[in-house]
Amino acid sequence: MKLKDLFWDYSFNEAELRSLLEGKVNKVSHLDKAGLYARILTSMRWYEIVDLVGKERLEELLDDEVLTKIYSKDLRRKFTIAKRILHQ
């Protein structure tokens, strides 16, 4: 799945979003890395997410700043549990 497909409601291009994901830029328009991660978490399956960001960045992906950007309480709770399990 392309990152730009996750942002069908904005006019971001793939290269901009990849640069943000890789940490080459801090923002793309109004979108920061926490917002990108939140959209990834709410739009992709877990194994797709792991393939995209890598196991080494799961802690960053599940950061509290990211989780607070997830609107669904149920989804936020599930990712909080995943974060707890990963930190054991």
C-alpha atoms as a PDB file:
ATOM      1  CA  MET A   1       0.000   0.000   0.000  1.00  0.00           C
ATOM      2  CA  LYS A   2       1.282   3.445  -0.837  1.00  0.00           C
ATOM      3  CA  LEU A   3       1.382   6.030   1.913  1.00  0.00           C
ATOM      4  CA  LYS A   4      -0.399   8.585  -0.270  1.00  0.00           C
ATOM      5  CA  ASP A   5      -3.370   6.182  -0.446  1.00  0.00           C
ATOM      6  CA  LEU A   6      -3.794   6.639   3.306  1.00  0.00           C
ATOM      7  CA  PHE A   7      -4.228  10.365   2.726  1.00  0.00           C
ATOM      8  CA  TRP A   8      -6.902  10.300   0.030  1.00  0.00           C
ATOM      9  CA  ASP A   9      -8.344  13.453   1.611  1.00  0.00           C
ATOM     10  CA  TYR A  10      -5.131  15.481   1.110  1.00  0.00           C
ATOM     11  CA  SER A  11      -2.832  16.147  -1.826  1.00  0.00           C
ATOM     12  CA  PHE A  12       0.406  14.737  -0.413  1.00  0.00           C
ATOM     13  CA  ASN A  13       2.702  12.853  -2.751  1.00  0.00           C
ATOM     14  CA  GLU A  14       4.458   9.590  -1.947  1.00  0.00           C
ATOM     15  CA  ALA A  15       7.962  11.081  -1.846  1.00  0.00           C
ATOM     16  CA  GLU A  16       6.947  13.717   0.729  1.00  0.00           C
ATOM     17  CA  LEU A  17       5.350  11.130   2.984  1.00  0.00           C
ATOM     18  CA  ARG A  18       8.318   8.760   2.659  1.00  0.00           C
ATOM     19  CA  SER A  19      10.664  11.606   3.630  1.00  0.00           C
ATOM     20  CA  LEU A  20       8.552  12.256   6.718  1.00  0.00           C
ATOM     21  CA  LEU A  21       8.458   8.562   7.615  1.00  0.00           C
ATOM     22  CA  GLU A  22      12.232   8.263   7.208  1.00  0.00           C
ATOM     23  CA  GLY A  23      12.873  11.370   9.326  1.00  0.00           C
ATOM     24  CA  LYS A  24      14.365  13.426   6.490  1.00  0.00           C
ATOM     25  CA  VAL A  25      11.814  16.193   7.128  1.00  0.00           C
ATOM     26  CA  ASN A  26       9.886  17.159  10.268  1.00  0.00           C
ATOM     27  CA  LYS A  27       6.616  18.110   8.565  1.00  0.00           C
ATOM     28  CA  VAL A  28       4.772  17.885   5.285  1.00  0.00           C
ATOM     29  CA  SER A  29       2.391  20.820   5.191  1.00  0.00           C
ATOM     30  CA  HIS A  30       0.501  20.494   8.524  1.00  0.00           C
ATOM     31  CA  LEU A  31       1.323  16.786   8.978  1.00  0.00           C
ATOM     32  CA  ASP A  32       3.998  15.768  11.473  1.00  0.00           C
ATOM     33  CA  LYS A  33       5.390  12.290  12.123  1.00  0.00           C
ATOM     34  CA  ALA A  34       2.935  11.616  14.956  1.00  0.00           C
ATOM     35  CA  GLY A  35       0.038  12.384  12.623  1.00  0.00           C
ATOM     36  CA  LEU A  36       1.524  10.138   9.948  1.00  0.00           C
ATOM     37  CA  TYR A  37       1.965   7.311  12.448  1.00  0.00           C
ATOM     38  CA  ALA A  38      -1.594   7.744  13.737  1.00  0.00           C
ATOM     39  CA  ARG A  39      -2.958   7.485  10.191  1.00  0.00           C
ATOM     40  CA  ILE A  40      -0.835   4.402   9.554  1.00  0.00           C
ATOM     41  CA  LEU A  41      -2.099   2.761  12.758  1.00  0.00           C
ATOM     42  CA  THR A  42      -5.742   3.462  11.939  1.00  0.00           C
ATOM     43  CA  SER A  43      -5.549   2.510   8.267  1.00  0.00           C
ATOM     44  CA  MET A  44      -3.301  -0.530   7.911  1.00  0.00           C
ATOM     45  CA  ARG A  45      -3.142  -4.084   9.219  1.00  0.00           C
ATOM     46  CA  TRP A  46      -0.590  -4.814  11.945  1.00  0.00           C
ATOM     47  CA  TYR A  47       1.764  -6.905   9.803  1.00  0.00           C
ATOM     48  CA  GLU A  48       1.675  -4.289   7.032  1.00  0.00           C
ATOM     49  CA  ILE A  49       2.613  -1.695   9.641  1.00  0.00           C
ATOM     50  CA  VAL A  50       5.531  -3.774  10.913  1.00  0.00           C
ATOM     51  CA  ASP A  51       6.745  -4.286   7.328  1.00  0.00           C
ATOM     52  CA  LEU A  52       6.476  -0.559   6.643  1.00  0.00           C
ATOM     53  CA  VAL A  53       8.111   0.908   9.755  1.00  0.00           C
ATOM     54  CA  GLY A  54      10.225  -2.016  10.932  1.00  0.00           C
ATOM     55  CA  LYS A  55      10.310  -3.737  14.303  1.00  0.00           C
ATOM     56  CA  GLU A  56      12.987  -1.371  15.567  1.00  0.00           C
ATOM     57  CA  ARG A  57      10.618   1.629  15.301  1.00  0.00           C
ATOM     58  CA  LEU A  58       7.536   0.108  16.938  1.00  0.00           C
ATOM     59  CA  GLU A  59       8.252   1.909  20.203  1.00  0.00           C
ATOM     60  CA  GLU A  60       8.315   5.231  18.354  1.00  0.00           C
ATOM     61  CA  LEU A  61       5.156   4.274  16.446  1.00  0.00           C
ATOM     62  CA  LEU A  62       3.293   3.501  19.673  1.00  0.00           C
ATOM     63  CA  ASP A  63       4.423   6.642  21.492  1.00  0.00           C
ATOM     64  CA  ASP A  64       1.822   8.379  23.682  1.00  0.00           C
ATOM     65  CA  GLU A  65       1.886  11.441  21.397  1.00  0.00           C
ATOM     66  CA  VAL A  66       0.820   9.220  18.501  1.00  0.00           C
ATOM     67  CA  LEU A  67      -1.790   7.293  20.457  1.00  0.00           C
ATOM     68  CA  THR A  68      -3.510  10.476  21.654  1.00  0.00           C
ATOM     69  CA  LYS A  69      -4.116  11.388  17.999  1.00  0.00           C
ATOM     70  CA  ILE A  70      -6.228   8.258  17.478  1.00  0.00           C
ATOM     71  CA  TYR A  71      -9.899   9.202  17.776  1.00  0.00           C
ATOM     72  CA  SER A  72     -11.307   5.741  18.480  1.00  0.00           C
ATOM     73  CA  LYS A  73     -11.007   4.911  22.178  1.00  0.00           C
ATOM     74  CA  ASP A  74     -11.201   1.198  21.429  1.00  0.00           C
ATOM     75  CA  LEU A  75      -8.387   1.323  18.891  1.00  0.00           C
ATOM     76  CA  ARG A  76      -6.305   3.540  21.184  1.00  0.00           C
ATOM     77  CA  ARG A  77      -6.797   0.999  23.990  1.00  0.00           C
ATOM     78  CA  LYS A  78      -5.740  -1.899  21.740  1.00  0.00           C
ATOM     79  CA  PHE A  79      -2.537  -0.129  20.710  1.00  0.00           C
ATOM     80  CA  THR A  80      -1.818   0.779  24.341  1.00  0.00           C
ATOM     81  CA  ILE A  81      -2.051  -2.919  25.209  1.00  0.00           C
ATOM     82  CA  ALA A  82       0.233  -3.788  22.270  1.00  0.00           C
ATOM     83  CA  LYS A  83       2.719  -1.191  23.504  1.00  0.00           C
ATOM     84  CA  ARG A  84       2.673  -2.695  26.989  1.00  0.00           C
ATOM     85  CA  ILE A  85       3.208  -6.225  25.640  1.00  0.00           C
ATOM     86  CA  LEU A  86       6.092  -5.110  23.413  1.00  0.00           C
ATOM     87  CA  HIS A  87       7.834  -3.447  26.372  1.00  0.00           C
ATOM     88  CA  GLN A  88       7.835  -6.568  28.544  1.00  0.00           C
END
